[in-house]
Amino acid sequence: MRKIKLHWQILIAIVLAAIAGSITGTEASFLGVTFVQIYDFVGTLFMNALRMIIVPLIMSSIIVGIANLGSGSDLGRLGGKTLLYYAFTSTLAILIGLFFVNLMAPGLAGGVPVGDQLNLTLDGDAVASAVASVEGRGSGDIVQIFLRMIPTNIVAAAAEGQMLGLIFFSLVFGFFMSQIPSKQSEALLTLWRGISETMMKITMWIMTFAPYGVFGLVAETVAATGFSAFRPMLLFFITVILALAAHTFIALPLILKYVAKVHPSRHFRAMAPAMLTAFSSASSSATLPLTMECVEKNAGVSERTTSFVLPLGATINMDGTALYECVAAIFLAQAYGLELSFVTQFTIVLVALLTSIGVAGIPAASLVAITVILTAIGLPVEAIGLLLVTDRVLDMCRSAVNIFSDSCGAVVIAKSEKETGILEGV
């Protein structure tokens, strides 16, 4: 199995899980233990491993990304333009995802939540807690969202899953880490970069067990519900694809045409090798060297702009990921039958924007960030197990979107810096 690429392993696991779940049902047992209990054990073990890495992965990625901006002088004109572009396009991507998931409502079938079809259940206490977290709120609750961003105890915030506060602390820590004397700053950056790279390795190691986790999660669902789960998941898949396509082929080209004053089709041709590589590898970070080459040699952006904008973008600009997180969280909320108020959807937009900053550009890392959003709106994180069914293909698509947005940012910023020769002859 190790000689087969991970996405094929996961696909094989899904097929085998569907067969196994349909054969065993909920009653079959082995040595007094039902197969459903075995499936649940395997799936829960995998989910616990993902939850284990949330705090160090998010913290280290954000701190390193912000610290890499450098000293205050580097956070001037070029840094300001870059951050403004990334914040704008990520927010735009999330709003596009919000529009499509509300329009298509993949978590509903004829106005009825599909939770039963997906084997998603909440006990009485969980229902009360989830409903209390999303209902009866007014616009004044937006203030509470920002108050929760500043925790009184950062250790307690991490232990209790208060990720908004943890993200804010990481942003502030990363910024001021670059303001202290270089000797101490470099030591801290080396430490956090080491933690970040270690967490990426651990994430990739955990993902090697994804086929087993997917098998347990899918087999348990099929055993309990049959094949009724596949229709809602197909509609969810289509919703994400349509939203990603709208962002890639409508929103970003409009920015290129009317802000950068370049022809979008030329930029697509220039970035085709990098986009195809990102699609096949499902990793925007691994594609970074090729992205930089395409932007510099094919699109004609200067090395100065390319070397500043793209490495930063590979860390903190994840348009496709942010869009996916938003759609996935609202899809699951719909499936549970929870009415999401404006305030709650605003919370999802804000948390998706902030967590997309801290998502490492490696396969399936966004699953970790989705747990943060589910926690923020009061839903059990176990629900993301379903997302693994379609995650690999969607991960490939959103990785391509991520690097295309980065490259558009490099062109926009290069044009604002009065660079010439951009996308000429492409």
Protein backbone atom coordinates (compact mmCIF):
# COMPACT_ATOMS: atom_id res chain seq x y z
CA MET A 1 0.00 0.00 0.00
CA ARG A 2 2.84 2.41 0.76
CA LYS A 3 3.85 2.31 -2.93
CA ILE A 4 0.41 3.66 -3.88
CA LYS A 5 -0.16 7.41 -3.67
CA LEU A 6 -2.18 8.56 -0.67
CA HIS A 7 -5.21 9.76 -2.62
CA TRP A 8 -5.54 6.36 -4.29
CA GLN A 9 -5.21 4.67 -0.90
CA ILE A 10 -8.05 6.83 0.42
CA LEU A 11 -10.20 6.09 -2.62
CA ILE A 12 -9.62 2.35 -2.17
CA ALA A 13 -10.47 2.71 1.52
CA ILE A 14 -13.77 4.45 0.69
CA VAL A 15 -14.78 1.68 -1.74
CA LEU A 16 -13.83 -1.08 0.73
CA ALA A 17 -15.60 0.76 3.55
CA ALA A 18 -18.80 1.03 1.50
CA ILE A 19 -18.68 -2.71 0.81
CA ALA A 20 -17.80 -3.65 4.39
CA GLY A 21 -20.42 -1.36 5.92
CA SER A 22 -23.19 -2.66 3.67
CA ILE A 23 -22.28 -6.28 4.41
CA THR A 24 -21.90 -6.05 8.20
CA GLY A 25 -24.72 -3.62 8.95
CA THR A 26 -25.17 -2.70 12.61
CA GLU A 27 -25.70 -6.19 14.02
CA ALA A 28 -22.78 -8.31 12.75
CA SER A 29 -20.08 -8.98 15.33
CA PHE A 30 -16.72 -10.64 15.76
CA LEU A 31 -15.69 -12.23 19.09
CA GLY A 32 -18.54 -10.43 20.83
CA VAL A 33 -17.64 -6.99 19.42
CA THR A 34 -19.83 -5.50 16.69
CA PHE A 35 -18.15 -4.34 13.53
CA VAL A 36 -19.71 -0.90 14.04
CA GLN A 37 -17.79 -0.61 17.32
CA ILE A 38 -14.58 -1.55 15.51
CA TYR A 39 -15.25 1.03 12.79
CA ASP A 40 -15.99 3.65 15.46
CA PHE A 41 -12.74 2.84 17.32
CA VAL A 42 -10.60 3.20 14.18
CA GLY A 43 -12.33 6.41 13.08
CA THR A 44 -12.20 7.99 16.55
CA LEU A 45 -8.49 7.17 16.90
CA PHE A 46 -7.77 9.01 13.65
CA MET A 47 -9.91 12.00 14.64
CA ASN A 48 -8.18 12.24 18.04
CA ALA A 49 -4.82 12.36 16.27
CA LEU A 50 -6.00 15.27 14.12
CA ARG A 51 -7.29 17.16 17.15
CA MET A 52 -4.01 16.58 18.96
CA ILE A 53 -2.06 18.74 16.50
CA ILE A 54 -4.46 21.70 16.24
CA VAL A 55 -2.88 24.10 18.74
CA PRO A 56 0.83 23.72 17.87
CA LEU A 57 0.16 23.59 14.11
CA ILE A 58 -1.98 26.73 14.03
CA MET A 59 0.23 28.72 16.45
CA SER A 60 3.56 27.91 14.81
CA SER A 61 2.28 28.50 11.25
CA ILE A 62 0.84 31.92 12.09
CA ILE A 63 3.83 33.08 14.14
CA VAL A 64 6.34 32.08 11.47
CA GLY A 65 4.22 33.58 8.68
CA ILE A 66 3.86 36.95 10.40
CA ALA A 67 7.47 37.04 11.63
CA ASN A 68 8.73 36.39 8.10
CA LEU A 69 7.45 39.83 7.16
CA GLY A 70 10.52 41.15 8.92
CA SER A 71 11.08 44.42 10.75
CA GLY A 72 8.85 47.45 10.77
CA SER A 73 10.51 48.90 7.66
CA ASP A 74 9.48 45.81 5.67
CA LEU A 75 5.92 46.20 6.88
CA GLY A 76 5.67 49.46 5.03
CA ARG A 77 4.41 50.02 1.52
CA LEU A 78 5.04 46.57 0.00
CA GLY A 79 3.99 44.67 3.11
CA GLY A 80 0.87 46.75 3.52
CA LYS A 81 -0.22 46.20 -0.08
CA THR A 82 0.42 42.46 0.19
CA LEU A 83 -1.55 42.03 3.40
CA LEU A 84 -4.40 44.17 2.09
CA TYR A 85 -4.65 42.11 -1.10
CA TYR A 86 -4.55 38.79 0.78
CA ALA A 87 -7.17 39.91 3.31
CA PHE A 88 -9.44 41.16 0.51
CA THR A 89 -9.26 38.08 -1.73
CA SER A 90 -9.61 35.64 1.18
CA THR A 91 -12.68 37.50 2.44
CA LEU A 92 -14.08 37.60 -1.10
CA ALA A 93 -13.55 33.83 -1.46
CA ILE A 94 -15.34 33.17 1.85
CA LEU A 95 -18.30 35.35 0.84
CA ILE A 96 -18.55 33.50 -2.48
CA GLY A 97 -18.58 30.21 -0.58
CA LEU A 98 -21.21 31.62 1.78
CA PHE A 99 -23.40 32.58 -1.19
CA PHE A 100 -23.21 29.17 -2.86
CA VAL A 101 -23.75 27.09 0.29
CA ASN A 102 -26.83 29.15 1.19
CA LEU A 103 -28.08 28.99 -2.39
CA MET A 104 -27.67 25.25 -2.88
CA ALA A 105 -28.17 24.17 0.77
CA PRO A 106 -26.37 20.80 0.44
CA GLY A 107 -27.16 20.00 4.08
CA LEU A 108 -30.90 20.03 3.38
CA ALA A 109 -33.11 17.75 1.26
CA GLY A 110 -36.51 19.25 0.54
CA GLY A 111 -36.00 21.63 3.44
CA VAL A 112 -35.27 18.75 5.83
CA PRO A 113 -31.79 18.34 7.43
CA VAL A 114 -29.86 15.37 6.06
CA GLY A 115 -28.21 14.56 9.40
CA ASP A 116 -29.96 11.19 9.65
CA GLN A 117 -28.78 10.22 6.17
CA LEU A 118 -25.22 11.11 7.18
CA ASN A 119 -25.45 9.40 10.57
CA LEU A 120 -24.96 12.75 12.33
CA THR A 121 -26.69 12.85 15.70
CA LEU A 122 -26.56 15.11 18.75
CA ASP A 123 -27.71 14.03 22.20
CA GLY A 124 -30.06 16.23 24.21
CA ASP A 125 -27.36 18.23 25.98
CA ALA A 126 -25.41 18.72 22.75
CA VAL A 127 -28.53 19.93 20.94
CA ALA A 128 -29.26 22.46 23.68
CA SER A 129 -25.66 23.67 23.64
CA ALA A 130 -25.51 23.96 19.86
CA VAL A 131 -28.87 25.71 19.60
CA ALA A 132 -27.89 28.13 22.37
CA SER A 133 -24.70 28.95 20.49
CA VAL A 134 -26.43 29.87 17.23
CA GLU A 135 -29.89 31.16 18.16
CA GLY A 136 -31.25 34.20 19.91
CA ARG A 137 -28.32 36.43 19.09
CA GLY A 138 -28.39 40.03 18.06
CA SER A 139 -25.93 42.33 16.39
CA GLY A 140 -24.49 43.16 19.83
CA ASP A 141 -23.03 39.66 19.96
CA ILE A 142 -20.53 40.67 17.29
CA VAL A 143 -18.84 42.68 20.04
CA GLN A 144 -18.49 39.47 22.06
CA ILE A 145 -16.70 37.83 19.16
CA PHE A 146 -14.00 40.48 19.31
CA LEU A 147 -13.83 40.31 23.10
CA ARG A 148 -13.15 36.58 22.86
CA MET A 149 -10.22 37.36 20.59
CA ILE A 150 -8.25 38.62 23.60
CA PRO A 151 -8.04 35.79 26.17
CA THR A 152 -7.23 36.40 29.82
CA ASN A 153 -5.19 33.20 29.93
CA ILE A 154 -3.58 31.95 26.73
CA VAL A 155 -2.85 28.48 28.16
CA ALA A 156 -6.46 28.06 29.26
CA ALA A 157 -7.65 29.31 25.86
CA ALA A 158 -5.57 26.64 24.13
CA ALA A 159 -6.76 23.91 26.52
CA GLU A 160 -10.42 24.89 26.15
CA GLY A 161 -10.31 25.23 22.38
CA GLN A 162 -10.84 29.02 22.33
CA MET A 163 -9.02 29.32 19.03
CA LEU A 164 -9.95 32.94 18.25
CA GLY A 165 -7.92 34.09 21.23
CA LEU A 166 -5.08 31.75 20.36
CA ILE A 167 -4.97 33.01 16.77
CA PHE A 168 -4.96 36.65 17.90
CA PHE A 169 -2.13 35.96 20.36
CA SER A 170 -0.13 34.22 17.62
CA LEU A 171 -0.59 37.18 15.26
CA VAL A 172 0.56 39.66 17.93
CA PHE A 173 3.44 37.42 19.06
CA GLY A 174 4.68 36.95 15.49
CA PHE A 175 4.59 40.69 14.79
CA PHE A 176 6.40 41.81 17.95
CA MET A 177 8.89 38.96 17.69
CA SER A 178 10.21 40.76 14.60
CA GLN A 179 10.56 44.03 16.54
CA ILE A 180 13.04 42.83 19.19
CA PRO A 181 16.85 42.80 18.71
CA SER A 182 17.91 40.50 15.90
CA LYS A 183 19.83 38.04 18.10
CA GLN A 184 16.79 37.17 20.21
CA SER A 185 14.42 37.45 17.25
CA GLU A 186 16.41 34.99 15.15
CA ALA A 187 16.58 32.53 18.05
CA LEU A 188 12.80 32.67 18.53
CA LEU A 189 12.16 32.43 14.80
CA THR A 190 14.41 29.39 14.58
CA LEU A 191 12.49 27.80 17.44
CA TRP A 192 9.04 28.45 15.97
CA ARG A 193 10.16 27.52 12.46
CA GLY A 194 11.42 24.24 13.88
CA ILE A 195 8.08 23.68 15.64
CA SER A 196 6.19 24.54 12.43
CA GLU A 197 8.24 22.15 10.30
CA THR A 198 7.95 19.43 12.94
CA MET A 199 4.17 19.85 13.08
CA MET A 200 4.01 19.57 9.28
CA LYS A 201 5.94 16.31 9.51
CA ILE A 202 3.60 15.04 12.22
CA THR A 203 0.57 16.09 10.14
CA MET A 204 1.92 14.20 7.13
CA TRP A 205 2.64 11.17 9.35
CA ILE A 206 -0.91 11.20 10.71
CA MET A 207 -2.22 11.49 7.16
CA THR A 208 -0.49 8.23 6.26
CA PHE A 209 -3.13 6.61 8.50
CA ALA A 210 -5.93 8.48 6.72
CA PRO A 211 -7.00 5.44 4.67
CA TYR A 212 -7.66 3.51 7.89
CA GLY A 213 -9.43 6.46 9.49
CA VAL A 214 -11.52 7.02 6.36
CA PHE A 215 -12.36 3.31 6.25
CA GLY A 216 -13.64 3.38 9.84
CA LEU A 217 -15.61 6.60 9.44
CA VAL A 218 -17.22 5.68 6.10
CA ALA A 219 -17.91 2.06 7.04
CA GLU A 220 -19.64 3.17 10.24
CA THR A 221 -21.83 5.60 8.29
CA VAL A 222 -22.74 3.08 5.58
CA ALA A 223 -23.45 0.39 8.19
CA ALA A 224 -25.88 2.72 9.98
CA THR A 225 -27.53 4.48 7.03
CA GLY A 226 -26.80 2.48 3.88
CA PHE A 227 -25.89 4.50 0.78
CA SER A 228 -28.20 7.42 1.48
CA ALA A 229 -25.17 9.45 2.64
CA PHE A 230 -23.71 9.75 -0.84
CA ARG A 231 -26.34 12.06 -2.33
CA PRO A 232 -25.79 14.90 0.20
CA MET A 233 -22.02 14.48 -0.10
CA LEU A 234 -22.26 14.73 -3.90
CA LEU A 235 -24.26 17.96 -3.61
CA PHE A 236 -21.69 19.30 -1.11
CA PHE A 237 -18.91 18.41 -3.55
CA ILE A 238 -20.67 20.22 -6.41
CA THR A 239 -21.29 23.28 -4.20
CA VAL A 240 -17.59 23.60 -3.34
CA ILE A 241 -16.50 23.09 -6.97
CA LEU A 242 -18.91 25.77 -8.21
CA ALA A 243 -17.77 28.24 -5.54
CA LEU A 244 -14.08 27.61 -6.29
CA ALA A 245 -14.75 27.99 -10.02
CA ALA A 246 -16.57 31.30 -9.48
CA HIS A 247 -13.63 32.65 -7.47
CA THR A 248 -11.00 31.40 -9.93
CA PHE A 249 -12.66 32.20 -13.24
CA ILE A 250 -14.74 35.27 -12.34
CA ALA A 251 -13.54 37.10 -9.21
CA LEU A 252 -9.75 36.85 -9.64
CA PRO A 253 -9.78 37.56 -13.42
CA LEU A 254 -11.85 40.69 -12.75
CA ILE A 255 -9.17 41.84 -10.30
CA LEU A 256 -6.47 41.16 -12.90
CA LYS A 257 -8.35 43.01 -15.62
CA TYR A 258 -9.57 46.08 -13.74
CA VAL A 259 -6.95 46.49 -11.00
CA ALA A 260 -3.74 45.18 -12.59
CA LYS A 261 -4.87 46.08 -16.14
CA VAL A 262 -3.64 42.78 -17.61
CA HIS A 263 -5.46 40.17 -19.67
CA PRO A 264 -6.55 37.23 -17.45
CA SER A 265 -6.07 34.58 -20.16
CA ARG A 266 -2.39 35.51 -20.41
CA HIS A 267 -1.95 34.98 -16.70
CA PHE A 268 -3.70 31.62 -16.84
CA ARG A 269 -1.26 30.52 -19.54
CA ALA A 270 1.69 31.80 -17.52
CA MET A 271 0.58 29.95 -14.37
CA ALA A 272 -0.64 26.70 -15.98
CA PRO A 273 2.42 24.59 -14.96
CA ALA A 274 2.23 25.71 -11.32
CA MET A 275 -1.56 25.25 -11.14
CA LEU A 276 -1.35 21.73 -12.57
CA THR A 277 1.43 20.86 -10.13
CA ALA A 278 -0.55 22.23 -7.19
CA PHE A 279 -3.60 20.28 -8.36
CA SER A 280 -1.69 17.01 -8.63
CA SER A 281 0.26 17.42 -5.37
CA ALA A 282 -2.51 19.07 -3.30
CA SER A 283 0.19 21.21 -1.71
CA SER A 284 0.61 24.93 -2.28
CA SER A 285 3.82 24.97 -0.21
CA ALA A 286 5.45 22.19 -2.23
CA THR A 287 4.54 24.07 -5.42
CA LEU A 288 6.11 27.35 -4.22
CA PRO A 289 9.42 27.05 -6.15
CA LEU A 290 7.56 26.41 -9.41
CA THR A 291 5.04 29.17 -8.63
CA MET A 292 7.89 31.64 -8.16
CA GLU A 293 9.49 30.53 -11.43
CA CYS A 294 6.23 30.92 -13.37
CA VAL A 295 5.50 34.35 -11.88
CA GLU A 296 9.03 35.62 -12.47
CA LYS A 297 9.86 34.08 -15.85
CA ASN A 298 6.45 33.65 -17.47
CA ALA A 299 4.53 36.57 -15.99
CA GLY A 300 7.51 38.95 -15.89
CA VAL A 301 7.23 40.03 -12.24
CA SER A 302 10.50 41.20 -10.65
CA GLU A 303 12.48 38.96 -8.30
CA ARG A 304 12.08 41.60 -5.55
CA THR A 305 8.28 41.39 -5.62
CA THR A 306 8.14 37.64 -6.27
CA SER A 307 10.46 36.72 -3.40
CA PHE A 308 8.46 38.83 -0.95
CA VAL A 309 4.86 38.24 -2.01
CA LEU A 310 4.80 34.54 -2.88
CA PRO A 311 6.51 32.96 0.17
CA LEU A 312 4.24 35.05 2.39
CA GLY A 313 1.22 34.05 0.33
CA ALA A 314 2.09 30.34 0.57
CA THR A 315 1.81 30.73 4.33
CA ILE A 316 -1.05 33.13 4.97
CA ASN A 317 -3.07 33.47 1.74
CA MET A 318 -5.36 30.46 1.32
CA ASP A 319 -8.39 31.59 -0.70
CA GLY A 320 -9.49 28.10 -1.69
CA THR A 321 -8.99 26.77 1.81
CA ALA A 322 -10.89 29.63 3.46
CA LEU A 323 -13.78 29.16 1.02
CA TYR A 324 -13.85 25.42 1.66
CA GLU A 325 -13.80 25.83 5.45
CA CYS A 326 -16.80 28.17 5.30
CA VAL A 327 -18.85 25.90 3.01
CA ALA A 328 -17.98 22.78 5.03
CA ALA A 329 -18.95 24.33 8.38
CA ILE A 330 -22.29 25.64 7.14
CA PHE A 331 -23.02 22.37 5.32
CA LEU A 332 -22.58 20.45 8.57
CA ALA A 333 -24.66 23.00 10.50
CA GLN A 334 -27.45 22.60 7.92
CA ALA A 335 -27.21 18.82 8.21
CA TYR A 336 -27.64 19.06 12.00
CA GLY A 337 -30.70 21.23 11.48
CA LEU A 338 -29.28 24.40 13.05
CA GLU A 339 -30.50 27.79 11.85
CA LEU A 340 -27.50 30.06 11.41
CA SER A 341 -28.15 33.71 12.18
CA PHE A 342 -26.27 36.59 10.58
CA VAL A 343 -24.05 36.84 13.66
CA THR A 344 -23.14 33.15 13.48
CA GLN A 345 -22.37 33.34 9.78
CA PHE A 346 -20.26 36.44 10.48
CA THR A 347 -18.41 34.37 13.10
CA ILE A 348 -17.78 31.65 10.51
CA VAL A 349 -16.46 34.21 8.01
CA LEU A 350 -14.15 35.74 10.62
CA VAL A 351 -12.85 32.42 11.94
CA ALA A 352 -12.39 31.03 8.40
CA LEU A 353 -10.37 34.12 7.49
CA LEU A 354 -8.16 33.88 10.57
CA THR A 355 -7.65 30.11 10.47
CA SER A 356 -6.79 30.18 6.77
CA ILE A 357 -3.77 32.28 7.79
CA GLY A 358 -2.52 29.45 9.97
CA VAL A 359 -3.21 26.50 7.70
CA ALA A 360 0.00 24.93 6.46
CA GLY A 361 0.11 24.44 2.70
CA ILE A 362 0.13 20.64 2.91
CA PRO A 363 -2.50 18.05 2.00
CA ALA A 364 -5.57 17.87 4.30
CA ALA A 365 -4.26 20.49 6.75
CA SER A 366 -7.52 22.43 6.34
CA LEU A 367 -9.36 19.59 8.10
CA VAL A 368 -7.55 20.72 11.23
CA ALA A 369 -8.74 24.29 10.76
CA ILE A 370 -12.35 23.22 10.21
CA THR A 371 -12.39 21.79 13.73
CA VAL A 372 -11.74 25.33 14.97
CA ILE A 373 -14.81 26.65 13.13
CA LEU A 374 -17.04 23.81 14.32
CA THR A 375 -15.98 24.50 17.89
CA ALA A 376 -16.76 28.20 17.45
CA ILE A 377 -20.37 27.47 16.41
CA GLY A 378 -20.96 24.67 18.90
CA LEU A 379 -20.85 21.59 16.65
CA PRO A 380 -19.01 18.32 17.43
CA VAL A 381 -15.71 18.01 15.55
CA GLU A 382 -16.39 14.33 14.84
CA ALA A 383 -18.61 15.51 11.97
CA ILE A 384 -15.58 16.35 9.84
CA GLY A 385 -14.99 12.64 9.35
CA LEU A 386 -17.56 12.80 6.58
CA LEU A 387 -15.54 15.44 4.76
CA LEU A 388 -12.74 12.94 4.23
CA VAL A 389 -14.92 11.16 1.66
CA THR A 390 -14.50 14.01 -0.84
CA ASP A 391 -11.53 15.81 0.67
CA ARG A 392 -8.72 14.63 -1.59
CA VAL A 393 -10.19 15.89 -4.87
CA LEU A 394 -11.39 19.12 -3.25
CA ASP A 395 -7.96 19.55 -1.64
CA MET A 396 -6.37 19.33 -5.09
CA CYS A 397 -8.79 21.94 -6.45
CA ARG A 398 -8.39 24.42 -3.60
CA SER A 399 -4.58 24.09 -3.67
CA ALA A 400 -4.62 25.20 -7.31
CA VAL A 401 -6.88 28.13 -6.35
CA ASN A 402 -4.52 29.06 -3.50
CA ILE A 403 -1.44 29.40 -5.70
CA PHE A 404 -3.37 31.16 -8.48
CA SER A 405 -4.52 33.80 -6.01
CA ASP A 406 -0.94 34.21 -4.76
CA SER A 407 0.27 34.74 -8.32
CA CYS A 408 -2.50 37.26 -9.03
CA GLY A 409 -1.38 39.13 -5.92
CA ALA A 410 2.19 39.26 -7.21
CA VAL A 411 0.98 40.73 -10.54
CA VAL A 412 -1.32 43.27 -8.86
CA ILE A 413 1.39 44.45 -6.47
CA ALA A 414 4.04 44.54 -9.22
CA LYS A 415 1.76 46.74 -11.31
CA SER A 416 1.17 49.05 -8.34
CA GLU A 417 4.97 49.32 -7.99
CA LYS A 418 5.12 50.55 -11.62
CA GLU A 419 6.96 47.46 -12.87
CA THR A 420 6.99 47.01 -16.64
CA GLY A 421 7.03 44.01 -18.95
CA ILE A 422 4.41 42.06 -16.98
CA LEU A 423 2.64 39.36 -19.03
CA GLU A 424 4.00 40.70 -22.30
CA GLY A 425 4.37 38.09 -25.01
CA VAL A 426 2.52 35.39 -23.05
